[in-house]
Amino acid sequence: MFQVRIHGRGGQGVVTAAEMLSVAAFYDGLYAQAFPSFGSERTGAPVVSYCRIDQRPIRIREPITHPDAIIVQDPTVLPLPGVVSDLALHAHVIINSSRSLAELVAQTWAAAVTTQTIDVLPAGEIAREHVGRPLPNAALLGAFAGLTGQVSLDGVEHAIREAFTGAVAEANVAAARAAHAYVASMRGASRVAAG
């Protein structure tokens, strides 16, 4: 089972991202489960959502405490308790930021990251270019597909088109494709193994 935790702030599409990731997994012929966790239901408050992906039916229902990947939609949540702690061995950390990886890992939160691989991409900027707004969820799912191989880019595109319609769907598909291409081209330069 591959477990994903998505962190961000209210209004950024954190819950939608988990739902789209589960739909992408279903499209790829896998089992999936997505659900949110709210601390305070207001715009800008920290929000966490979860997604599990497996080749067999998923029976557990509790929050994910040791994820195989985290997707961070807003880097301002990185210092918050529980965001980067208790990650599974060799977990993927995917961060939306226009700051350099060196700048990010120099911050105190990075001390809690031990054996994981960190990938940084400007998903908000990619979204602004394609969608017209800095909503990074579709772009980050495209990057997730490229970095982990847990879902296909086709699956992500299908999920986006199921969540949105018309020009909004196609703009988000373009953002996912651009982020997927970005992580493929930056594979060596955009990541670091911590620890």
N, C-alpha and C. Protein backbone atom coordinates (compact mmCIF):
# COMPACT_ATOMS: atom_id res chain seq x y z
N MET A 1 0.85 -1.18 0.00
CA MET A 1 0.00 0.00 0.00
C MET A 1 0.89 1.24 0.00
N PHE A 2 0.53 2.21 -0.82
CA PHE A 2 1.25 3.47 -0.89
C PHE A 2 0.36 4.54 -0.27
N GLN A 3 0.88 5.24 0.75
CA GLN A 3 0.07 6.20 1.50
C GLN A 3 0.60 7.62 1.29
N VAL A 4 -0.32 8.54 1.01
CA VAL A 4 0.03 9.92 0.68
C VAL A 4 -0.71 10.86 1.62
N ARG A 5 0.03 11.84 2.10
CA ARG A 5 -0.57 12.91 2.90
C ARG A 5 -0.35 14.21 2.14
N ILE A 6 -1.40 15.02 2.04
CA ILE A 6 -1.31 16.30 1.33
C ILE A 6 -1.55 17.42 2.33
N HIS A 7 -0.61 18.34 2.40
CA HIS A 7 -0.68 19.47 3.34
C HIS A 7 -0.80 20.78 2.58
N GLY A 8 -1.59 21.67 3.12
CA GLY A 8 -1.72 23.01 2.54
C GLY A 8 -2.59 23.86 3.41
N ARG A 9 -3.23 24.82 2.79
CA ARG A 9 -4.12 25.72 3.52
C ARG A 9 -5.48 25.73 2.84
N GLY A 10 -6.50 26.03 3.65
CA GLY A 10 -7.86 26.07 3.14
C GLY A 10 -7.98 26.97 1.93
N GLY A 11 -8.64 26.48 0.89
CA GLY A 11 -8.83 27.24 -0.32
C GLY A 11 -7.83 26.92 -1.42
N GLN A 12 -6.84 26.05 -1.13
CA GLN A 12 -5.83 25.70 -2.12
C GLN A 12 -6.15 24.41 -2.87
N GLY A 13 -7.23 23.76 -2.53
CA GLY A 13 -7.58 22.52 -3.23
C GLY A 13 -6.93 21.28 -2.64
N VAL A 14 -6.60 21.28 -1.37
CA VAL A 14 -5.96 20.14 -0.71
C VAL A 14 -6.87 18.91 -0.75
N VAL A 15 -8.14 19.09 -0.40
CA VAL A 15 -9.09 17.98 -0.39
C VAL A 15 -9.35 17.51 -1.82
N THR A 16 -9.51 18.44 -2.73
CA THR A 16 -9.73 18.09 -4.14
C THR A 16 -8.55 17.30 -4.69
N ALA A 17 -7.34 17.66 -4.29
CA ALA A 17 -6.14 16.95 -4.76
C ALA A 17 -6.18 15.49 -4.35
N ALA A 18 -6.54 15.20 -3.10
CA ALA A 18 -6.61 13.81 -2.64
C ALA A 18 -7.70 13.05 -3.40
N GLU A 19 -8.82 13.71 -3.63
CA GLU A 19 -9.90 13.05 -4.38
C GLU A 19 -9.47 12.76 -5.81
N MET A 20 -8.81 13.73 -6.45
CA MET A 20 -8.35 13.50 -7.82
C MET A 20 -7.28 12.41 -7.88
N LEU A 21 -6.41 12.35 -6.87
CA LEU A 21 -5.40 11.31 -6.84
C LEU A 21 -6.05 9.93 -6.74
N SER A 22 -7.10 9.81 -5.93
CA SER A 22 -7.79 8.53 -5.81
C SER A 22 -8.48 8.15 -7.13
N VAL A 23 -9.06 9.12 -7.82
CA VAL A 23 -9.71 8.86 -9.11
C VAL A 23 -8.67 8.43 -10.14
N ALA A 24 -7.49 9.06 -10.12
CA ALA A 24 -6.40 8.66 -11.03
C ALA A 24 -6.00 7.22 -10.78
N ALA A 25 -5.92 6.83 -9.51
CA ALA A 25 -5.57 5.44 -9.19
C ALA A 25 -6.66 4.48 -9.68
N PHE A 26 -7.94 4.84 -9.47
CA PHE A 26 -9.03 4.00 -9.99
C PHE A 26 -8.92 3.85 -11.50
N TYR A 27 -8.64 4.94 -12.17
CA TYR A 27 -8.50 4.92 -13.63
C TYR A 27 -7.39 3.96 -14.05
N ASP A 28 -6.33 3.90 -13.26
CA ASP A 28 -5.20 3.01 -13.54
C ASP A 28 -5.44 1.57 -13.09
N GLY A 29 -6.64 1.28 -12.62
CA GLY A 29 -6.99 -0.08 -12.23
C GLY A 29 -6.59 -0.46 -10.82
N LEU A 30 -6.36 0.53 -9.97
CA LEU A 30 -5.96 0.28 -8.59
C LEU A 30 -7.11 0.59 -7.64
N TYR A 31 -6.95 0.21 -6.41
CA TYR A 31 -7.89 0.59 -5.36
C TYR A 31 -7.36 1.86 -4.71
N ALA A 32 -8.25 2.71 -4.26
CA ALA A 32 -7.82 3.95 -3.63
C ALA A 32 -8.86 4.43 -2.63
N GLN A 33 -8.38 5.27 -1.74
CA GLN A 33 -9.23 5.84 -0.69
C GLN A 33 -8.74 7.26 -0.43
N ALA A 34 -9.63 8.21 -0.37
CA ALA A 34 -9.25 9.60 -0.09
C ALA A 34 -10.19 10.17 0.97
N PHE A 35 -9.62 10.96 1.89
CA PHE A 35 -10.44 11.61 2.90
C PHE A 35 -9.68 12.79 3.50
N PRO A 36 -10.40 13.82 3.97
CA PRO A 36 -9.76 15.01 4.54
C PRO A 36 -9.70 14.98 6.06
N SER A 37 -8.94 15.92 6.59
CA SER A 37 -8.91 16.18 8.03
C SER A 37 -8.84 17.69 8.20
N PHE A 38 -9.78 18.25 8.91
CA PHE A 38 -9.83 19.69 9.09
C PHE A 38 -9.56 20.05 10.54
N GLY A 39 -8.70 21.06 10.76
CA GLY A 39 -8.52 21.60 12.10
C GLY A 39 -9.48 22.75 12.31
N SER A 40 -9.56 23.61 11.32
CA SER A 40 -10.43 24.76 11.36
C SER A 40 -10.91 24.98 9.93
N GLU A 41 -12.20 24.95 9.72
CA GLU A 41 -12.74 25.02 8.37
C GLU A 41 -12.86 26.46 7.90
N ARG A 42 -11.72 27.07 7.58
CA ARG A 42 -11.76 28.43 7.05
C ARG A 42 -10.60 28.61 6.08
N THR A 43 -10.76 29.55 5.19
CA THR A 43 -9.74 29.83 4.21
C THR A 43 -8.44 30.23 4.90
N GLY A 44 -7.35 29.62 4.48
CA GLY A 44 -6.04 29.94 5.04
C GLY A 44 -5.62 29.07 6.21
N ALA A 45 -6.54 28.33 6.81
CA ALA A 45 -6.19 27.46 7.93
C ALA A 45 -5.49 26.21 7.39
N PRO A 46 -4.58 25.61 8.17
CA PRO A 46 -3.92 24.38 7.73
C PRO A 46 -4.94 23.27 7.49
N VAL A 47 -4.77 22.56 6.38
CA VAL A 47 -5.65 21.46 6.00
C VAL A 47 -4.78 20.28 5.60
N VAL A 48 -5.24 19.09 5.95
CA VAL A 48 -4.56 17.86 5.57
C VAL A 48 -5.57 16.94 4.92
N SER A 49 -5.16 16.30 3.84
CA SER A 49 -6.00 15.25 3.26
C SER A 49 -5.11 14.03 3.01
N TYR A 50 -5.76 12.89 2.85
CA TYR A 50 -5.05 11.63 2.76
C TYR A 50 -5.52 10.84 1.55
N CYS A 51 -4.61 10.03 1.01
CA CYS A 51 -4.97 9.11 -0.07
C CYS A 51 -4.14 7.84 0.09
N ARG A 52 -4.81 6.72 -0.01
CA ARG A 52 -4.14 5.43 -0.03
C ARG A 52 -4.35 4.79 -1.40
N ILE A 53 -3.31 4.12 -1.91
CA ILE A 53 -3.37 3.45 -3.20
C ILE A 53 -2.83 2.05 -3.02
N ASP A 54 -3.55 1.07 -3.57
CA ASP A 54 -3.10 -0.32 -3.42
C ASP A 54 -3.64 -1.16 -4.57
N GLN A 55 -3.08 -2.34 -4.74
CA GLN A 55 -3.56 -3.29 -5.74
C GLN A 55 -4.67 -4.16 -5.18
N ARG A 56 -4.90 -4.07 -3.87
CA ARG A 56 -5.95 -4.84 -3.21
C ARG A 56 -6.93 -3.90 -2.51
N PRO A 57 -8.12 -4.37 -2.20
CA PRO A 57 -9.07 -3.50 -1.48
C PRO A 57 -8.46 -2.97 -0.18
N ILE A 58 -8.80 -1.75 0.15
CA ILE A 58 -8.26 -1.07 1.33
C ILE A 58 -9.29 -1.13 2.45
N ARG A 59 -8.91 -1.70 3.55
CA ARG A 59 -9.85 -1.90 4.66
C ARG A 59 -9.64 -0.90 5.81
N ILE A 60 -8.45 -0.36 5.96
CA ILE A 60 -8.20 0.55 7.08
C ILE A 60 -8.78 1.93 6.77
N ARG A 61 -9.11 2.67 7.82
CA ARG A 61 -9.78 3.95 7.64
C ARG A 61 -9.15 5.09 8.46
N GLU A 62 -8.11 4.82 9.23
CA GLU A 62 -7.56 5.87 10.08
C GLU A 62 -6.64 6.81 9.31
N PRO A 63 -6.35 7.98 9.88
CA PRO A 63 -5.42 8.91 9.24
C PRO A 63 -4.06 8.26 9.00
N ILE A 64 -3.34 8.78 8.05
CA ILE A 64 -2.03 8.24 7.68
C ILE A 64 -0.97 8.89 8.56
N THR A 65 -0.29 8.07 9.35
CA THR A 65 0.72 8.60 10.26
C THR A 65 2.14 8.42 9.74
N HIS A 66 2.39 7.47 8.86
CA HIS A 66 3.72 7.21 8.30
C HIS A 66 3.62 7.16 6.78
N PRO A 67 3.43 8.32 6.13
CA PRO A 67 3.20 8.32 4.69
C PRO A 67 4.43 7.94 3.87
N ASP A 68 4.16 7.39 2.70
CA ASP A 68 5.21 7.09 1.73
C ASP A 68 5.52 8.32 0.90
N ALA A 69 4.63 9.29 0.91
CA ALA A 69 4.85 10.56 0.21
C ALA A 69 4.02 11.64 0.89
N ILE A 70 4.59 12.84 0.92
CA ILE A 70 3.78 14.01 1.30
C ILE A 70 3.88 15.01 0.16
N ILE A 71 2.77 15.66 -0.08
CA ILE A 71 2.70 16.74 -1.07
C ILE A 71 2.40 18.00 -0.28
N VAL A 72 3.27 18.98 -0.38
CA VAL A 72 3.11 20.22 0.38
C VAL A 72 2.72 21.33 -0.60
N GLN A 73 1.46 21.73 -0.54
CA GLN A 73 0.96 22.74 -1.46
C GLN A 73 1.38 24.15 -1.06
N ASP A 74 1.65 24.36 0.21
CA ASP A 74 2.03 25.68 0.71
C ASP A 74 3.23 25.50 1.64
N PRO A 75 4.40 26.00 1.27
CA PRO A 75 5.59 25.77 2.10
C PRO A 75 5.52 26.41 3.48
N THR A 76 4.57 27.31 3.72
CA THR A 76 4.46 27.91 5.06
C THR A 76 3.96 26.90 6.09
N VAL A 77 3.45 25.75 5.66
CA VAL A 77 3.01 24.73 6.63
C VAL A 77 4.16 23.80 7.03
N LEU A 78 5.29 23.87 6.36
CA LEU A 78 6.40 22.96 6.66
C LEU A 78 6.84 22.96 8.12
N PRO A 79 6.91 24.12 8.80
CA PRO A 79 7.34 24.09 10.20
C PRO A 79 6.27 23.58 11.18
N LEU A 80 5.03 23.40 10.72
CA LEU A 80 3.97 22.98 11.64
C LEU A 80 4.19 21.54 12.11
N PRO A 81 3.81 21.24 13.34
CA PRO A 81 3.99 19.88 13.87
C PRO A 81 3.28 18.84 12.99
N GLY A 82 3.96 17.73 12.77
CA GLY A 82 3.36 16.62 12.06
C GLY A 82 3.43 16.67 10.55
N VAL A 83 3.98 17.72 9.98
CA VAL A 83 4.03 17.80 8.52
C VAL A 83 5.13 16.90 7.97
N VAL A 84 6.36 17.06 8.44
CA VAL A 84 7.47 16.26 7.92
C VAL A 84 7.96 15.19 8.89
N SER A 85 7.31 15.02 10.02
CA SER A 85 7.74 14.00 10.97
C SER A 85 7.08 12.66 10.67
N ASP A 86 7.70 11.61 11.12
CA ASP A 86 7.16 10.25 11.02
C ASP A 86 6.93 9.78 9.59
N LEU A 87 7.77 10.20 8.67
CA LEU A 87 7.63 9.73 7.30
C LEU A 87 8.18 8.32 7.18
N ALA A 88 7.64 7.56 6.25
CA ALA A 88 8.15 6.22 5.98
C ALA A 88 9.57 6.32 5.44
N LEU A 89 10.33 5.27 5.62
CA LEU A 89 11.68 5.21 5.08
C LEU A 89 11.62 5.41 3.57
N HIS A 90 12.48 6.25 3.03
CA HIS A 90 12.54 6.56 1.59
C HIS A 90 11.30 7.27 1.08
N ALA A 91 10.60 7.98 1.95
CA ALA A 91 9.40 8.71 1.53
C ALA A 91 9.76 9.84 0.57
N HIS A 92 8.82 10.16 -0.29
CA HIS A 92 8.94 11.30 -1.20
C HIS A 92 8.37 12.53 -0.53
N VAL A 93 9.08 13.64 -0.59
CA VAL A 93 8.58 14.93 -0.10
C VAL A 93 8.54 15.84 -1.32
N ILE A 94 7.34 16.25 -1.72
CA ILE A 94 7.16 17.07 -2.91
C ILE A 94 6.61 18.42 -2.44
N ILE A 95 7.37 19.48 -2.70
CA ILE A 95 7.05 20.80 -2.17
C ILE A 95 6.81 21.79 -3.31
N ASN A 96 5.71 22.52 -3.21
CA ASN A 96 5.44 23.64 -4.11
C ASN A 96 6.17 24.86 -3.57
N SER A 97 7.17 25.32 -4.31
CA SER A 97 7.87 26.53 -3.91
C SER A 97 8.69 27.05 -5.08
N SER A 98 8.82 28.36 -5.15
CA SER A 98 9.71 28.96 -6.14
C SER A 98 11.09 29.21 -5.53
N ARG A 99 11.23 28.92 -4.24
CA ARG A 99 12.53 29.05 -3.58
C ARG A 99 13.39 27.84 -3.94
N SER A 100 14.68 27.99 -3.81
CA SER A 100 15.58 26.89 -4.14
C SER A 100 15.50 25.81 -3.06
N LEU A 101 15.86 24.63 -3.46
CA LEU A 101 15.91 23.51 -2.52
C LEU A 101 16.87 23.81 -1.38
N ALA A 102 18.02 24.40 -1.70
CA ALA A 102 19.00 24.74 -0.67
C ALA A 102 18.42 25.70 0.36
N GLU A 103 17.65 26.69 -0.09
CA GLU A 103 17.02 27.63 0.83
C GLU A 103 16.02 26.92 1.74
N LEU A 104 15.24 26.02 1.17
CA LEU A 104 14.21 25.33 1.95
C LEU A 104 14.81 24.40 2.99
N VAL A 105 15.81 23.60 2.60
CA VAL A 105 16.35 22.63 3.56
C VAL A 105 17.26 23.27 4.59
N ALA A 106 17.60 24.56 4.41
CA ALA A 106 18.37 25.28 5.42
C ALA A 106 17.49 25.70 6.59
N GLN A 107 16.17 25.59 6.46
CA GLN A 107 15.25 25.98 7.51
C GLN A 107 15.17 24.89 8.58
N THR A 108 14.72 25.26 9.76
CA THR A 108 14.74 24.34 10.89
C THR A 108 13.85 23.11 10.70
N TRP A 109 12.75 23.21 9.95
CA TRP A 109 11.87 22.06 9.76
C TRP A 109 12.61 20.89 9.11
N ALA A 110 13.61 21.17 8.29
CA ALA A 110 14.30 20.12 7.54
C ALA A 110 15.07 19.17 8.44
N ALA A 111 15.37 19.57 9.68
CA ALA A 111 16.08 18.69 10.60
C ALA A 111 15.27 17.44 10.92
N ALA A 112 13.93 17.53 10.81
CA ALA A 112 13.07 16.38 11.09
C ALA A 112 13.04 15.38 9.93
N VAL A 113 13.53 15.77 8.77
CA VAL A 113 13.55 14.89 7.60
C VAL A 113 14.86 14.12 7.62
N THR A 114 14.77 12.80 7.67
CA THR A 114 15.99 12.01 7.83
C THR A 114 16.44 11.29 6.57
N THR A 115 15.62 10.42 6.01
CA THR A 115 16.10 9.60 4.90
C THR A 115 15.26 9.77 3.65
N GLN A 116 14.53 10.84 3.57
CA GLN A 116 13.62 11.03 2.45
C GLN A 116 14.26 11.81 1.31
N THR A 117 13.65 11.75 0.17
CA THR A 117 14.07 12.53 -0.98
C THR A 117 13.12 13.71 -1.12
N ILE A 118 13.68 14.89 -1.28
CA ILE A 118 12.89 16.11 -1.36
C ILE A 118 12.94 16.63 -2.79
N ASP A 119 11.77 16.91 -3.35
CA ASP A 119 11.66 17.50 -4.68
C ASP A 119 10.91 18.83 -4.54
N VAL A 120 11.42 19.85 -5.21
CA VAL A 120 10.82 21.17 -5.16
C VAL A 120 10.49 21.60 -6.59
N LEU A 121 9.29 22.11 -6.77
CA LEU A 121 8.94 22.67 -8.07
C LEU A 121 8.00 23.85 -7.87
N PRO A 122 8.04 24.81 -8.78
CA PRO A 122 7.19 25.99 -8.65
C PRO A 122 5.78 25.71 -9.19
N ALA A 123 5.06 24.83 -8.52
CA ALA A 123 3.73 24.40 -9.00
C ALA A 123 2.76 25.57 -9.04
N GLY A 124 2.86 26.48 -8.08
CA GLY A 124 1.98 27.65 -8.10
C GLY A 124 2.22 28.52 -9.32
N GLU A 125 3.48 28.68 -9.70
CA GLU A 125 3.81 29.47 -10.88
C GLU A 125 3.36 28.75 -12.16
N ILE A 126 3.53 27.42 -12.17
CA ILE A 126 3.07 26.63 -13.32
C ILE A 126 1.55 26.77 -13.45
N ALA A 127 0.85 26.70 -12.33
CA ALA A 127 -0.60 26.85 -12.35
C ALA A 127 -1.01 28.24 -12.81
N ARG A 128 -0.32 29.26 -12.33
CA ARG A 128 -0.64 30.64 -12.73
C ARG A 128 -0.48 30.79 -14.25
N GLU A 129 0.55 30.19 -14.80
CA GLU A 129 0.80 30.27 -16.24
C GLU A 129 -0.30 29.59 -17.05
N HIS A 130 -0.78 28.44 -16.57
CA HIS A 130 -1.75 27.67 -17.35
C HIS A 130 -3.20 27.89 -16.94
N VAL A 131 -3.43 28.08 -15.64
CA VAL A 131 -4.79 28.20 -15.11
C VAL A 131 -5.19 29.65 -14.88
N GLY A 132 -4.19 30.51 -14.68
CA GLY A 132 -4.48 31.91 -14.40
C GLY A 132 -4.54 32.23 -12.93
N ARG A 133 -4.41 31.21 -12.09
CA ARG A 133 -4.42 31.38 -10.62
C ARG A 133 -3.37 30.44 -10.04
N PRO A 134 -2.78 30.80 -8.91
CA PRO A 134 -1.71 29.96 -8.34
C PRO A 134 -2.23 28.80 -7.49
N LEU A 135 -3.17 28.03 -8.05
CA LEU A 135 -3.71 26.86 -7.34
C LEU A 135 -2.93 25.64 -7.79
N PRO A 136 -2.04 25.11 -6.93
CA PRO A 136 -1.04 24.13 -7.37
C PRO A 136 -1.48 22.67 -7.41
N ASN A 137 -2.71 22.34 -7.03
CA ASN A 137 -3.05 20.93 -6.84
C ASN A 137 -2.88 20.08 -8.09
N ALA A 138 -3.38 20.51 -9.25
CA ALA A 138 -3.26 19.70 -10.47
C ALA A 138 -1.80 19.57 -10.88
N ALA A 139 -1.05 20.66 -10.80
CA ALA A 139 0.37 20.61 -11.15
C ALA A 139 1.12 19.65 -10.24
N LEU A 140 0.83 19.70 -8.96
CA LEU A 140 1.52 18.80 -8.02
C LEU A 140 1.16 17.33 -8.28
N LEU A 141 -0.06 17.07 -8.72
CA LEU A 141 -0.41 15.68 -9.05
C LEU A 141 0.33 15.21 -10.29
N GLY A 142 0.53 16.09 -11.26
CA GLY A 142 1.35 15.74 -12.42
C GLY A 142 2.78 15.43 -11.99
N ALA A 143 3.32 16.24 -11.09
CA ALA A 143 4.67 15.99 -10.56
C ALA A 143 4.71 14.68 -9.78
N PHE A 144 3.70 14.44 -8.95
CA PHE A 144 3.63 13.20 -8.18
C PHE A 144 3.68 11.99 -9.10
N ALA A 145 2.90 12.03 -10.19
CA ALA A 145 2.90 10.91 -11.14
C ALA A 145 4.29 10.69 -11.72
N GLY A 146 4.97 11.77 -12.06
CA GLY A 146 6.29 11.65 -12.64
C GLY A 146 7.35 11.19 -11.66
N LEU A 147 7.23 11.59 -10.41
CA LEU A 147 8.25 11.28 -9.40
C LEU A 147 8.08 9.91 -8.77
N THR A 148 6.85 9.48 -8.57
CA THR A 148 6.63 8.23 -7.84
C THR A 148 6.23 7.05 -8.73
N GLY A 149 5.59 7.33 -9.86
CA GLY A 149 5.10 6.26 -10.71
C GLY A 149 3.91 5.51 -10.13
N GLN A 150 3.32 6.02 -9.05
CA GLN A 150 2.19 5.34 -8.41
C GLN A 150 0.91 5.47 -9.23
N VAL A 151 0.78 6.55 -9.97
CA VAL A 151 -0.34 6.74 -10.90
C VAL A 151 0.26 7.25 -12.21
N SER A 152 -0.50 7.09 -13.29
CA SER A 152 -0.02 7.57 -14.59
C SER A 152 -0.46 9.01 -14.82
N LEU A 153 0.24 9.68 -15.72
CA LEU A 153 -0.18 11.02 -16.11
C LEU A 153 -1.55 10.95 -16.77
N ASP A 154 -1.82 9.90 -17.55
CA ASP A 154 -3.16 9.72 -18.14
C ASP A 154 -4.22 9.65 -17.05
N GLY A 155 -3.92 8.93 -15.97
CA GLY A 155 -4.86 8.83 -14.86
C GLY A 155 -5.12 10.18 -14.22
N VAL A 156 -4.06 10.96 -14.04
CA VAL A 156 -4.20 12.31 -13.47
C VAL A 156 -5.06 13.18 -14.39
N GLU A 157 -4.80 13.12 -15.68
CA GLU A 157 -5.58 13.92 -16.63
C GLU A 157 -7.05 13.51 -16.60
N HIS A 158 -7.33 12.21 -16.52
CA HIS A 158 -8.70 11.73 -16.43
C HIS A 158 -9.38 12.27 -15.16
N ALA A 159 -8.66 12.21 -14.05
CA ALA A 159 -9.21 12.69 -12.78
C ALA A 159 -9.51 14.18 -12.82
N ILE A 160 -8.62 14.94 -13.44
CA ILE A 160 -8.84 16.40 -13.56
C ILE A 160 -10.09 16.67 -14.38
N ARG A 161 -10.24 15.94 -15.49
CA ARG A 161 -11.41 16.15 -16.34
C ARG A 161 -12.70 15.68 -15.68
N GLU A 162 -12.58 14.79 -14.71
CA GLU A 162 -13.76 14.37 -13.96
C GLU A 162 -14.13 15.41 -12.90
N ALA A 163 -13.12 16.09 -12.35
CA ALA A 163 -13.36 17.10 -11.31
C ALA A 163 -13.78 18.45 -11.88
N PHE A 164 -13.28 18.78 -13.06
CA PHE A 164 -13.55 20.08 -13.67
C PHE A 164 -14.08 19.86 -15.09
N THR A 165 -14.59 20.92 -15.68
CA THR A 165 -15.11 20.81 -17.04
C THR A 165 -14.54 21.92 -17.92
N GLY A 166 -14.67 21.72 -19.21
CA GLY A 166 -14.36 22.75 -20.19
C GLY A 166 -12.96 23.30 -20.10
N ALA A 167 -12.87 24.62 -20.24
CA ALA A 167 -11.58 25.30 -20.27
C ALA A 167 -10.83 25.16 -18.95
N VAL A 168 -11.55 25.10 -17.83
CA VAL A 168 -10.90 24.94 -16.52
C VAL A 168 -10.20 23.59 -16.45
N ALA A 169 -10.87 22.55 -16.92
CA ALA A 169 -10.28 21.22 -16.93
C ALA A 169 -9.03 21.20 -17.81
N GLU A 170 -9.14 21.74 -19.00
CA GLU A 170 -8.01 21.69 -19.93
C GLU A 170 -6.83 22.52 -19.44
N ALA A 171 -7.10 23.63 -18.77
CA ALA A 171 -6.02 24.45 -18.21
C ALA A 171 -5.30 23.68 -17.10
N ASN A 172 -6.07 22.97 -16.27
CA ASN A 172 -5.45 22.17 -15.20
C ASN A 172 -4.70 20.97 -15.77
N VAL A 173 -5.20 20.36 -16.83
CA VAL A 173 -4.48 19.28 -17.49
C VAL A 173 -3.15 19.81 -18.02
N ALA A 174 -3.17 20.99 -18.62
CA ALA A 174 -1.93 21.60 -19.13
C ALA A 174 -0.94 21.84 -17.99
N ALA A 175 -1.43 22.28 -16.83
CA ALA A 175 -0.55 22.49 -15.68
C ALA A 175 0.04 21.17 -15.19
N ALA A 176 -0.77 20.12 -15.15
CA ALA A 176 -0.27 18.80 -14.72
C ALA A 176 0.80 18.30 -15.69
N ARG A 177 0.55 18.45 -16.98
CA ARG A 177 1.54 18.03 -17.99
C ARG A 177 2.84 18.81 -17.85
N ALA A 178 2.72 20.12 -17.64
CA ALA A 178 3.91 20.96 -17.51
C ALA A 178 4.72 20.57 -16.28
N ALA A 179 4.06 20.29 -15.17
CA ALA A 179 4.77 19.89 -13.95
C ALA A 179 5.41 18.52 -14.12
N HIS A 180 4.71 17.61 -14.81
CA HIS A 180 5.26 16.28 -15.09
C HIS A 180 6.54 16.42 -15.92
N ALA A 181 6.51 17.28 -16.94
CA ALA A 181 7.69 17.52 -17.77
C ALA A 181 8.79 18.21 -16.97
N TYR A 182 8.41 19.11 -16.07
CA TYR A 182 9.38 19.83 -15.25
C TYR A 182 10.18 18.87 -14.39
N VAL A 183 9.50 17.95 -13.70
CA VAL A 183 10.24 17.04 -12.82
C VAL A 183 11.07 16.05 -13.63
N ALA A 184 10.63 15.71 -14.83
CA ALA A 184 11.43 14.83 -15.69
C ALA A 184 12.72 15.53 -16.12
N SER A 185 12.62 16.82 -16.45
CA SER A 185 13.79 17.55 -16.92
C SER A 185 14.73 17.94 -15.78
N MET A 186 14.20 18.08 -14.58
CA MET A 186 15.00 18.51 -13.44
C MET A 186 15.32 17.36 -12.49
N ARG A 187 15.15 16.16 -12.92
CA ARG A 187 15.28 14.99 -12.04
C ARG A 187 16.50 15.04 -11.13
N GLY A 188 17.66 15.35 -11.64
CA GLY A 188 18.85 15.37 -10.81
C GLY A 188 19.04 16.69 -10.07
N ALA A 189 18.63 17.80 -10.67
CA ALA A 189 18.93 19.11 -10.10
C ALA A 189 17.96 19.54 -9.03
N SER A 190 16.72 19.03 -9.04
CA SER A 190 15.70 19.55 -8.14
C SER A 190 15.54 18.75 -6.86
N ARG A 191 16.39 17.77 -6.64
CA ARG A 191 16.17 16.92 -5.48
C ARG A 191 17.43 16.73 -4.65
N VAL A 192 17.20 16.34 -3.43
CA VAL A 192 18.31 16.03 -2.54
C VAL A 192 17.88 14.91 -1.62
N ALA A 193 18.76 14.03 -1.29
CA ALA A 193 18.49 13.01 -0.29
C ALA A 193 18.96 13.56 1.04
N ALA A 194 18.05 13.69 1.96
CA ALA A 194 18.40 14.23 3.27
C ALA A 194 19.00 13.13 4.13
N GLY A 195 19.70 13.53 5.16
CA GLY A 195 20.18 12.57 6.14
C GLY A 195 21.50 12.02 5.90
